[in-house]
Amino acid sequence: MSSVFLSTGCALSRKIDIIYAIRAAASLMTTITLYVVYGFFFEVML
């Protein structure tokens, strides 16, 4: 019984890790995109 609970917990934590990794990658891409857009606008303005 406890082994089933442990395996389920491992699968659940792995899924949460994947969700966090996807969220971190998405926020990183958003930050890079914002930097590129702002840099482009500054180049156009100057």
PDB file of N, CA and C in Angstrom:
ATOM      1  N   MET A   1       0.840  -1.201   0.000  1.00  0.00           N
ATOM      2  CA  MET A   1       0.000   0.000   0.000  1.00  0.00           C
ATOM      3  C   MET A   1       0.878   1.255   0.000  1.00  0.00           C
ATOM      4  N   SER A   2       1.891   1.245   0.866  1.00  0.00           N
ATOM      5  CA  SER A   2       2.753   2.428   0.961  1.00  0.00           C
ATOM      6  C   SER A   2       3.593   2.584  -0.307  1.00  0.00           C
ATOM      7  N   SER A   3       3.975   1.464  -0.941  1.00  0.00           N
ATOM      8  CA  SER A   3       4.779   1.545  -2.162  1.00  0.00           C
ATOM      9  C   SER A   3       3.957   2.174  -3.293  1.00  0.00           C
ATOM     10  N   VAL A   4       2.667   1.835  -3.359  1.00  0.00           N
ATOM     11  CA  VAL A   4       1.795   2.430  -4.377  1.00  0.00           C
ATOM     12  C   VAL A   4       1.691   3.936  -4.139  1.00  0.00           C
ATOM     13  N   PHE A   5       1.559   4.332  -2.877  1.00  0.00           N
ATOM     14  CA  PHE A   5       1.453   5.753  -2.547  1.00  0.00           C
ATOM     15  C   PHE A   5       2.751   6.483  -2.904  1.00  0.00           C
ATOM     16  N   LEU A   6       3.889   5.825  -2.638  1.00  0.00           N
ATOM     17  CA  LEU A   6       5.185   6.441  -2.948  1.00  0.00           C
ATOM     18  C   LEU A   6       5.349   6.632  -4.451  1.00  0.00           C
ATOM     19  N   SER A   7       4.998   5.599  -5.236  1.00  0.00           N
ATOM     20  CA  SER A   7       5.143   5.715  -6.692  1.00  0.00           C
ATOM     21  C   SER A   7       4.218   6.799  -7.241  1.00  0.00           C
ATOM     22  N   THR A   8       3.010   6.891  -6.690  1.00  0.00           N
ATOM     23  CA  THR A   8       2.078   7.928  -7.133  1.00  0.00           C
ATOM     24  C   THR A   8       2.629   9.306  -6.793  1.00  0.00           C
ATOM     25  N   GLY A   9       3.207   9.442  -5.598  1.00  0.00           N
ATOM     26  CA  GLY A   9       3.797  10.716  -5.198  1.00  0.00           C
ATOM     27  C   GLY A   9       4.961  11.090  -6.100  1.00  0.00           C
ATOM     28  N   CYS A  10       5.780  10.111  -6.483  1.00  0.00           N
ATOM     29  CA  CYS A  10       6.907  10.389  -7.375  1.00  0.00           C
ATOM     30  C   CYS A  10       6.412  10.868  -8.737  1.00  0.00           C
ATOM     31  N   ALA A  11       5.396  10.205  -9.274  1.00  0.00           N
ATOM     32  CA  ALA A  11       4.847  10.602 -10.572  1.00  0.00           C
ATOM     33  C   ALA A  11       4.252  12.006 -10.473  1.00  0.00           C
ATOM     34  N   LEU A  12       3.570  12.285  -9.374  1.00  0.00           N
ATOM     35  CA  LEU A  12       2.948  13.596  -9.192  1.00  0.00           C
ATOM     36  C   LEU A  12       4.013  14.680  -9.095  1.00  0.00           C
ATOM     37  N   SER A  13       5.078  14.434  -8.316  1.00  0.00           N
ATOM     38  CA  SER A  13       6.130  15.439  -8.169  1.00  0.00           C
ATOM     39  C   SER A  13       6.861  15.635  -9.497  1.00  0.00           C
ATOM     40  N   ARG A  14       7.016  14.556 -10.273  1.00  0.00           N
ATOM     41  CA  ARG A  14       7.668  14.688 -11.574  1.00  0.00           C
ATOM     42  C   ARG A  14       6.817  15.558 -12.504  1.00  0.00           C
ATOM     43  N   LYS A  15       5.496  15.356 -12.465  1.00  0.00           N
ATOM     44  CA  LYS A  15       4.597  16.163 -13.295  1.00  0.00           C
ATOM     45  C   LYS A  15       4.669  17.634 -12.875  1.00  0.00           C
ATOM     46  N   ILE A  16       4.729  17.885 -11.561  1.00  0.00           N
ATOM     47  CA  ILE A  16       4.846  19.263 -11.060  1.00  0.00           C
ATOM     48  C   ILE A  16       6.177  19.865 -11.517  1.00  0.00           C
ATOM     49  N   ASP A  17       7.259  19.075 -11.484  1.00  0.00           N
ATOM     50  CA  ASP A  17       8.560  19.559 -11.954  1.00  0.00           C
ATOM     51  C   ASP A  17       8.480  19.950 -13.425  1.00  0.00           C
ATOM     52  N   ILE A  18       7.810  19.146 -14.238  1.00  0.00           N
ATOM     53  CA  ILE A  18       7.675  19.463 -15.662  1.00  0.00           C
ATOM     54  C   ILE A  18       6.884  20.751 -15.842  1.00  0.00           C
ATOM     55  N   ILE A  19       5.811  20.909 -15.060  1.00  0.00           N
ATOM     56  CA  ILE A  19       4.995  22.129 -15.153  1.00  0.00           C
ATOM     57  C   ILE A  19       5.847  23.338 -14.783  1.00  0.00           C
ATOM     58  N   TYR A  20       6.636  23.227 -13.695  1.00  0.00           N
ATOM     59  CA  TYR A  20       7.489  24.346 -13.300  1.00  0.00           C
ATOM     60  C   TYR A  20       8.526  24.648 -14.374  1.00  0.00           C
ATOM     61  N   ALA A  21       9.096  23.593 -14.993  1.00  0.00           N
ATOM     62  CA  ALA A  21      10.102  23.797 -16.041  1.00  0.00           C
ATOM     63  C   ALA A  21       9.488  24.516 -17.235  1.00  0.00           C
ATOM     64  N   ILE A  22       8.278  24.102 -17.639  1.00  0.00           N
ATOM     65  CA  ILE A  22       7.599  24.754 -18.766  1.00  0.00           C
ATOM     66  C   ILE A  22       7.296  26.208 -18.426  1.00  0.00           C
ATOM     67  N   ARG A  23       6.836  26.450 -17.188  1.00  0.00           N
ATOM     68  CA  ARG A  23       6.505  27.811 -16.774  1.00  0.00           C
ATOM     69  C   ARG A  23       7.757  28.686 -16.741  1.00  0.00           C
ATOM     70  N   ALA A  24       8.873  28.131 -16.242  1.00  0.00           N
ATOM     71  CA  ALA A  24      10.117  28.890 -16.202  1.00  0.00           C
ATOM     72  C   ALA A  24      10.605  29.203 -17.614  1.00  0.00           C
ATOM     73  N   ALA A  25      10.515  28.211 -18.514  1.00  0.00           N
ATOM     74  CA  ALA A  25      10.945  28.442 -19.898  1.00  0.00           C
ATOM     75  C   ALA A  25      10.067  29.498 -20.563  1.00  0.00           C
ATOM     76  N   ALA A  26       8.762  29.453 -20.294  1.00  0.00           N
ATOM     77  CA  ALA A  26       7.851  30.433 -20.888  1.00  0.00           C
ATOM     78  C   ALA A  26       8.163  31.834 -20.388  1.00  0.00           C
ATOM     79  N   SER A  27       8.414  31.981 -19.087  1.00  0.00           N
ATOM     80  CA  SER A  27       8.727  33.301 -18.547  1.00  0.00           C
ATOM     81  C   SER A  27      10.066  33.794 -19.084  1.00  0.00           C
ATOM     82  N   LEU A  28      11.026  32.874 -19.266  1.00  0.00           N
ATOM     83  CA  LEU A  28      12.324  33.257 -19.825  1.00  0.00           C
ATOM     84  C   LEU A  28      12.155  33.743 -21.261  1.00  0.00           C
ATOM     85  N   MET A  29      11.366  33.017 -22.049  1.00  0.00           N
ATOM     86  CA  MET A  29      11.126  33.433 -23.434  1.00  0.00           C
ATOM     87  C   MET A  29      10.408  34.778 -23.474  1.00  0.00           C
ATOM     88  N   THR A  30       9.458  34.990 -22.571  1.00  0.00           N
ATOM     89  CA  THR A  30       8.741  36.271 -22.523  1.00  0.00           C
ATOM     90  C   THR A  30       9.707  37.399 -22.196  1.00  0.00           C
ATOM     91  N   THR A  31      10.605  37.161 -21.221  1.00  0.00           N
ATOM     92  CA  THR A  31      11.581  38.185 -20.854  1.00  0.00           C
ATOM     93  C   THR A  31      12.494  38.506 -22.031  1.00  0.00           C
ATOM     94  N   ILE A  32      12.989  37.476 -22.721  1.00  0.00           N
ATOM     95  CA  ILE A  32      13.870  37.694 -23.877  1.00  0.00           C
ATOM     96  C   ILE A  32      13.128  38.458 -24.972  1.00  0.00           C
ATOM     97  N   THR A  33      11.877  38.072 -25.215  1.00  0.00           N
ATOM     98  CA  THR A  33      11.083  38.747 -26.245  1.00  0.00           C
ATOM     99  C   THR A  33      10.884  40.217 -25.885  1.00  0.00           C
ATOM    100  N   LEU A  34      10.586  40.483 -24.610  1.00  0.00           N
ATOM    101  CA  LEU A  34      10.406  41.879 -24.181  1.00  0.00           C
ATOM    102  C   LEU A  34      11.697  42.665 -24.361  1.00  0.00           C
ATOM    103  N   TYR A  35      12.845  42.074 -23.999  1.00  0.00           N
ATOM    104  CA  TYR A  35      14.122  42.753 -24.181  1.00  0.00           C
ATOM    105  C   TYR A  35      14.361  43.069 -25.658  1.00  0.00           C
ATOM    106  N   VAL A  36      14.076  42.109 -26.537  1.00  0.00           N
ATOM    107  CA  VAL A  36      14.286  42.320 -27.978  1.00  0.00           C
ATOM    108  C   VAL A  36      13.375  43.428 -28.489  1.00  0.00           C
ATOM    109  N   VAL A  37      12.094  43.394 -28.080  1.00  0.00           N
ATOM    110  CA  VAL A  37      11.141  44.409 -28.548  1.00  0.00           C
ATOM    111  C   VAL A  37      11.546  45.788 -28.044  1.00  0.00           C
ATOM    112  N   TYR A  38      11.892  45.894 -26.749  1.00  0.00           N
ATOM    113  CA  TYR A  38      12.303  47.186 -26.204  1.00  0.00           C
ATOM    114  C   TYR A  38      13.579  47.681 -26.871  1.00  0.00           C
ATOM    115  N   GLY A  39      14.533  46.777 -27.108  1.00  0.00           N
ATOM    116  CA  GLY A  39      15.764  47.155 -27.788  1.00  0.00           C
ATOM    117  C   GLY A  39      15.490  47.651 -29.198  1.00  0.00           C
ATOM    118  N   PHE A  40      14.570  46.982 -29.890  1.00  0.00           N
ATOM    119  CA  PHE A  40      14.205  47.391 -31.243  1.00  0.00           C
ATOM    120  C   PHE A  40      13.565  48.785 -31.222  1.00  0.00           C
ATOM    121  N   PHE A  41      12.666  49.017 -30.264  1.00  0.00           N
ATOM    122  CA  PHE A  41      12.010  50.321 -30.165  1.00  0.00           C
ATOM    123  C   PHE A  41      13.030  51.411 -29.840  1.00  0.00           C
ATOM    124  N   PHE A  42      13.980  51.114 -28.943  1.00  0.00           N
ATOM    125  CA  PHE A  42      15.005  52.110 -28.603  1.00  0.00           C
ATOM    126  C   PHE A  42      15.878  52.420 -29.815  1.00  0.00           C
ATOM    127  N   GLU A  43      16.186  51.387 -30.611  1.00  0.00           N
ATOM    128  CA  GLU A  43      16.980  51.607 -31.829  1.00  0.00           C
ATOM    129  C   GLU A  43      16.205  52.483 -32.811  1.00  0.00           C
ATOM    130  N   VAL A  44      14.900  52.264 -32.930  1.00  0.00           N
ATOM    131  CA  VAL A  44      14.086  53.054 -33.855  1.00  0.00           C
ATOM    132  C   VAL A  44      13.976  54.497 -33.356  1.00  0.00           C
ATOM    133  N   MET A  45      13.785  54.671 -32.040  1.00  0.00           N
ATOM    134  CA  MET A  45      13.614  56.011 -31.480  1.00  0.00           C
ATOM    135  C   MET A  45      14.894  56.835 -31.603  1.00  0.00           C
ATOM    136  N   LEU A  46      16.052  56.198 -31.374  1.00  0.00           N
ATOM    137  CA  LEU A  46      17.316  56.948 -31.369  1.00  0.00           C
ATOM    138  C   LEU A  46      17.909  57.170 -32.751  1.00  0.00           C
TER     139      LEU A  46
END
